[in-house]
Amino acid sequence: MERSIRCRAWRHRFCRVIMVGLFLCLSFAQTGGASAETAAEILRRVDESRALRPQFAFEMALTAYQSGEEIDRYTLAGYVRIEAEKAQTLLYFLDPPKVNGQKMLMRGDEIWMHFPKTKNVIKLSPIQILLGEVANGDLLQIGFSAAYQCRFLSDGEAADHWCLLLEARENEGANYQKIILWVDKETALPVTGEFYARSGKLLKRVLYQDYQIVLGKLFAMKVTIHDGTQPDRYTVMQYMRLVEKSLPVNYYRKEYLPRFTYVPLN
């Protein structure tokens, strides 16, 4: 009798252990367990995919459309230098002739512009429109993590995508008050984003497209930016070339901007 009671008690404890184990396994399966990534870690992976090398360069076409018809187009060269997770970017405008020779420099949240045949360097706002729906900050900013704090939005999440809410940090040079970003779970690459003003107004919808392997990383060679209130107005940023390229550090100073000239990418 006593042995039977002990057996039943042992079996009861054993079942409880099994049930607790199953519960923990299911919990880890649902949350990703100890290896589950935080929203901030995912955002850092997104930033890493956009920073191809500590120094790289690109040639890009910017084309503005309305109702499917091309209305304006720029081509330009860009040179990026990343130090301590902060990017510095130089742009040199190539075409059309009306913008040839214009130059732009971004260091942190400061943007400077120089026009041919002038001596002065002009300070710009990152939110000022460059072409169509593309603002200065859209083209020049490489990463999100420094300027935005991040958390998950569960109501926007899908089986194959994370939905991240990026909210501007104070005094960190964020171009937008908030961004809702959908990220592919398999690759941690951005798929689409919604960019909002401080008023809550939707300014633009962005599609990250045509991923190709560049310098060993998958990179969105095409970015389409739609106007938040007029979807028939959109601008396409198309990368034509991306290469590893180093420029002297003094080139990334506003004092040097009047002397800076186009550096071929080959």
Protein backbone atom coordinates (compact mmCIF):
# COMPACT_ATOMS: atom_id res chain seq x y z
CA MET A 1 0.00 0.00 0.00
CA GLU A 2 2.74 2.43 1.05
CA ARG A 3 4.76 1.50 -2.06
CA SER A 4 1.69 2.14 -4.26
CA ILE A 5 1.22 5.58 -2.70
CA ARG A 6 4.89 6.40 -3.26
CA CYS A 7 4.62 5.32 -6.92
CA ARG A 8 1.55 7.45 -7.47
CA ALA A 9 3.28 10.46 -5.86
CA TRP A 10 6.40 9.91 -8.01
CA ARG A 11 4.28 9.64 -11.16
CA HIS A 12 2.44 12.86 -10.18
CA ARG A 13 5.71 14.75 -9.70
CA PHE A 14 7.07 13.29 -12.94
CA CYS A 15 3.97 14.47 -14.86
CA ARG A 16 4.32 17.93 -13.36
CA VAL A 17 7.95 18.08 -14.49
CA ILE A 18 6.93 16.99 -18.00
CA MET A 19 4.12 19.59 -18.11
CA VAL A 20 6.43 22.37 -16.90
CA GLY A 21 9.03 21.31 -19.48
CA LEU A 22 6.46 21.34 -22.28
CA PHE A 23 5.23 24.77 -21.17
CA LEU A 24 8.75 26.19 -21.21
CA CYS A 25 9.47 24.66 -24.62
CA LEU A 26 6.29 26.16 -26.05
CA SER A 27 7.05 29.52 -24.47
CA PHE A 28 10.56 29.55 -25.97
CA ALA A 29 9.17 28.49 -29.33
CA GLN A 30 6.71 31.38 -29.28
CA THR A 31 9.17 34.07 -28.15
CA GLY A 32 12.34 32.80 -29.75
CA GLY A 33 13.84 31.84 -26.38
CA ALA A 34 17.11 33.28 -25.13
CA SER A 35 18.18 34.05 -28.70
CA ALA A 36 15.09 36.17 -29.49
CA GLU A 37 16.16 39.52 -30.91
CA THR A 38 14.98 42.81 -29.51
CA ALA A 39 13.55 45.46 -31.81
CA ALA A 40 16.74 47.53 -31.35
CA GLU A 41 18.90 44.57 -32.40
CA ILE A 42 16.82 44.06 -35.54
CA LEU A 43 17.12 47.75 -36.37
CA ARG A 44 20.91 47.53 -35.99
CA ARG A 45 20.88 44.63 -38.48
CA VAL A 46 18.87 46.82 -40.87
CA ASP A 47 21.50 49.55 -40.51
CA GLU A 48 24.33 47.08 -41.12
CA SER A 49 22.73 46.04 -44.42
CA ARG A 50 22.77 49.69 -45.58
CA ALA A 51 26.40 50.31 -44.59
CA LEU A 52 28.24 48.27 -47.20
CA ARG A 53 31.77 49.16 -46.11
CA PRO A 54 33.45 51.70 -43.78
CA GLN A 55 34.05 53.64 -47.01
CA PHE A 56 32.11 53.20 -50.25
CA ALA A 57 30.79 55.19 -53.19
CA PHE A 58 27.82 55.08 -55.54
CA GLU A 59 26.30 56.56 -58.65
CA MET A 60 22.55 57.07 -58.57
CA ALA A 61 19.68 58.27 -60.73
CA LEU A 62 16.83 60.16 -59.04
CA THR A 63 13.68 60.23 -61.19
CA ALA A 64 10.44 61.99 -60.22
CA TYR A 65 7.10 60.80 -61.66
CA GLN A 66 3.51 61.97 -61.62
CA SER A 67 0.75 59.62 -62.79
CA GLY A 68 3.43 57.37 -64.29
CA GLU A 69 5.01 60.16 -66.38
CA GLU A 70 8.61 61.27 -65.78
CA ILE A 71 8.77 64.94 -64.77
CA ASP A 72 12.37 65.40 -63.57
CA ARG A 73 15.64 63.47 -63.25
CA TYR A 74 19.05 63.93 -61.57
CA THR A 75 22.16 61.77 -61.64
CA LEU A 76 24.78 62.12 -58.93
CA ALA A 77 27.77 60.49 -57.27
CA GLY A 78 27.98 59.84 -53.53
CA TYR A 79 30.90 59.06 -51.23
CA VAL A 80 30.31 57.62 -47.74
CA ARG A 81 32.66 57.39 -44.77
CA ILE A 82 31.50 55.62 -41.57
CA GLU A 83 33.34 56.08 -38.27
CA ALA A 84 32.09 55.04 -34.84
CA GLU A 85 28.72 54.09 -36.41
CA LYS A 86 28.27 57.66 -37.71
CA ALA A 87 28.14 58.31 -41.45
CA GLN A 88 29.54 61.26 -43.37
CA THR A 89 28.30 61.60 -46.95
CA LEU A 90 29.47 63.71 -49.90
CA LEU A 91 27.33 64.19 -53.01
CA TYR A 92 28.40 65.55 -56.38
CA PHE A 93 25.64 66.33 -58.91
CA LEU A 94 26.38 65.25 -62.49
CA ASP A 95 23.23 65.78 -64.60
CA PRO A 96 21.26 67.64 -65.86
CA PRO A 97 23.52 70.61 -66.73
CA LYS A 98 21.51 72.95 -64.48
CA VAL A 99 22.75 71.06 -61.36
CA ASN A 100 26.17 69.89 -62.60
CA GLY A 101 28.86 70.76 -60.08
CA GLN A 102 26.56 71.27 -57.12
CA LYS A 103 27.88 69.57 -53.97
CA MET A 104 26.39 68.52 -50.66
CA LEU A 105 27.93 67.31 -47.39
CA MET A 106 26.20 65.66 -44.44
CA ARG A 107 27.93 65.24 -41.09
CA GLY A 108 25.62 64.03 -38.34
CA ASP A 109 22.47 66.16 -38.51
CA GLU A 110 24.18 69.03 -40.38
CA ILE A 111 23.88 69.40 -44.15
CA TRP A 112 25.91 71.85 -46.21
CA MET A 113 25.53 72.79 -49.90
CA HIS A 114 27.86 74.53 -52.35
CA PHE A 115 26.93 75.92 -55.78
CA PRO A 116 29.42 76.40 -58.65
CA LYS A 117 31.01 79.86 -59.08
CA THR A 118 30.26 80.79 -55.46
CA LYS A 119 32.47 80.85 -52.39
CA ASN A 120 29.93 80.49 -49.62
CA VAL A 121 28.67 77.18 -48.21
CA ILE A 122 24.96 77.14 -47.33
CA LYS A 123 23.47 75.20 -44.42
CA LEU A 124 20.33 73.20 -45.26
CA SER A 125 17.67 71.29 -43.34
CA PRO A 126 17.58 67.47 -43.74
CA ILE A 127 13.83 67.68 -44.40
CA GLN A 128 14.17 70.12 -47.34
CA ILE A 129 13.09 68.54 -50.62
CA LEU A 130 15.88 67.57 -53.00
CA LEU A 131 13.77 66.15 -55.83
CA GLY A 132 10.14 65.01 -55.92
CA GLU A 133 9.45 63.11 -52.69
CA VAL A 134 13.15 62.75 -51.78
CA ALA A 135 14.39 64.99 -48.97
CA ASN A 136 18.05 65.70 -48.29
CA GLY A 137 18.02 63.45 -45.25
CA ASP A 138 16.51 60.50 -47.16
CA LEU A 139 19.47 60.37 -49.48
CA LEU A 140 22.25 61.11 -47.03
CA GLN A 141 21.30 59.22 -43.86
CA ILE A 142 22.67 55.66 -43.78
CA GLY A 143 21.33 54.31 -40.46
CA PHE A 144 18.29 54.69 -38.18
CA SER A 145 19.57 53.49 -34.79
CA ALA A 146 21.32 56.66 -33.63
CA ALA A 147 18.33 58.93 -34.24
CA TYR A 148 15.41 56.63 -33.32
CA GLN A 149 14.35 54.42 -30.45
CA CYS A 150 12.56 51.29 -31.55
CA ARG A 151 9.90 48.82 -30.42
CA PHE A 152 7.70 46.13 -31.98
CA LEU A 153 4.21 46.86 -33.30
CA SER A 154 2.46 43.51 -32.95
CA ASP A 155 -0.69 44.58 -34.82
CA GLY A 156 1.38 45.15 -37.96
CA GLU A 157 3.43 41.97 -37.75
CA ALA A 158 2.98 39.11 -40.22
CA ALA A 159 4.33 35.57 -40.39
CA ASP A 160 7.25 36.69 -42.55
CA HIS A 161 7.72 40.30 -41.40
CA TRP A 162 8.47 42.25 -38.23
CA CYS A 163 6.74 45.58 -37.81
CA LEU A 164 8.90 48.15 -36.00
CA LEU A 165 7.89 51.54 -34.62
CA LEU A 166 10.77 54.02 -34.73
CA GLU A 167 10.30 57.13 -32.58
CA ALA A 168 12.62 60.12 -32.79
CA ARG A 169 15.14 60.61 -30.01
CA GLU A 170 15.43 64.16 -28.75
CA ASN A 171 18.33 66.20 -30.13
CA GLU A 172 19.63 63.35 -32.30
CA GLY A 173 18.84 64.80 -35.71
CA ALA A 174 15.90 62.56 -36.67
CA ASN A 175 14.37 63.60 -39.99
CA TYR A 176 10.89 62.32 -39.03
CA GLN A 177 8.91 62.14 -35.80
CA LYS A 178 8.17 58.45 -36.31
CA ILE A 179 8.65 55.68 -38.86
CA ILE A 180 6.78 52.40 -39.18
CA LEU A 181 9.15 49.92 -40.78
CA TRP A 182 8.38 46.41 -42.04
CA VAL A 183 11.42 44.10 -42.00
CA ASP A 184 11.79 40.65 -43.55
CA LYS A 185 12.26 38.08 -40.76
CA GLU A 186 14.54 35.82 -42.77
CA THR A 187 16.99 38.47 -43.99
CA ALA A 188 16.45 41.42 -41.58
CA LEU A 189 16.16 43.65 -44.67
CA PRO A 190 13.64 46.51 -44.88
CA VAL A 191 10.66 45.92 -47.17
CA THR A 192 8.53 49.04 -46.77
CA GLY A 193 8.22 52.04 -44.47
CA GLU A 194 5.84 54.85 -43.56
CA PHE A 195 7.38 58.19 -42.54
CA TYR A 196 5.43 60.66 -40.37
CA ALA A 197 5.75 64.35 -39.44
CA ARG A 198 5.54 65.68 -35.90
CA SER A 199 1.87 66.54 -36.57
CA GLY A 200 1.13 62.87 -37.24
CA LYS A 201 0.70 63.45 -40.99
CA LEU A 202 1.91 60.65 -43.25
CA LEU A 203 4.61 62.26 -45.40
CA LYS A 204 5.73 59.33 -47.55
CA ARG A 205 5.61 55.60 -48.15
CA VAL A 206 8.87 53.93 -49.12
CA LEU A 207 9.42 50.60 -50.92
CA TYR A 208 12.84 48.90 -50.79
CA GLN A 209 13.19 46.86 -53.98
CA ASP A 210 15.47 44.96 -56.37
CA TYR A 211 17.79 43.43 -53.76
CA GLN A 212 21.13 42.34 -55.22
CA ILE A 213 24.40 41.12 -53.72
CA VAL A 214 26.79 44.07 -53.65
CA LEU A 215 30.18 43.91 -51.93
CA GLY A 216 29.06 40.68 -50.26
CA LYS A 217 25.73 42.02 -48.92
CA LEU A 218 22.14 42.08 -50.13
CA PHE A 219 21.36 45.69 -50.93
CA ALA A 220 18.20 47.44 -52.22
CA MET A 221 19.30 48.81 -55.59
CA LYS A 222 15.95 50.58 -56.05
CA VAL A 223 13.99 52.66 -53.53
CA THR A 224 10.58 54.07 -54.50
CA ILE A 225 9.19 56.95 -52.43
CA HIS A 226 5.47 57.78 -52.72
CA ASP A 227 3.91 61.03 -51.53
CA GLY A 228 1.86 60.37 -48.38
CA THR A 229 -1.23 62.21 -49.60
CA GLN A 230 -0.83 61.97 -53.41
CA PRO A 231 0.12 58.35 -54.24
CA ASP A 232 0.38 59.18 -57.98
CA ARG A 233 3.44 61.32 -57.15
CA TYR A 234 6.55 59.25 -56.51
CA THR A 235 10.32 59.33 -56.93
CA VAL A 236 12.65 56.43 -57.71
CA MET A 237 16.18 56.26 -56.32
CA GLN A 238 18.07 53.81 -58.57
CA TYR A 239 21.64 52.84 -57.70
CA MET A 240 23.62 52.35 -60.91
CA ARG A 241 27.00 51.54 -59.33
CA LEU A 242 28.23 50.70 -55.82
CA VAL A 243 31.95 50.24 -55.14
CA GLU A 244 34.42 50.27 -52.28
CA LYS A 245 36.06 53.70 -52.41
CA SER A 246 38.19 55.75 -49.99
CA LEU A 247 38.59 59.51 -49.94
CA PRO A 248 40.89 61.56 -47.67
CA VAL A 249 39.28 62.42 -44.36
CA ASN A 250 39.67 66.19 -44.92
CA TYR A 251 37.29 65.97 -47.89
CA TYR A 252 34.44 65.54 -45.38
CA ARG A 253 34.76 69.07 -43.99
CA LYS A 254 32.51 71.95 -44.98
CA GLU A 255 35.58 74.17 -45.47
CA TYR A 256 36.76 71.81 -48.22
CA LEU A 257 33.41 71.64 -50.02
CA PRO A 258 34.11 74.55 -52.49
CA ARG A 259 37.27 72.72 -53.67
CA PHE A 260 35.75 69.25 -53.88
CA THR A 261 35.27 67.83 -57.36
CA TYR A 262 33.97 64.63 -58.91
CA VAL A 263 36.10 61.56 -58.20
CA PRO A 264 35.55 58.69 -60.70
CA LEU A 265 34.37 55.46 -59.10
CA ASN A 266 36.75 53.16 -61.00
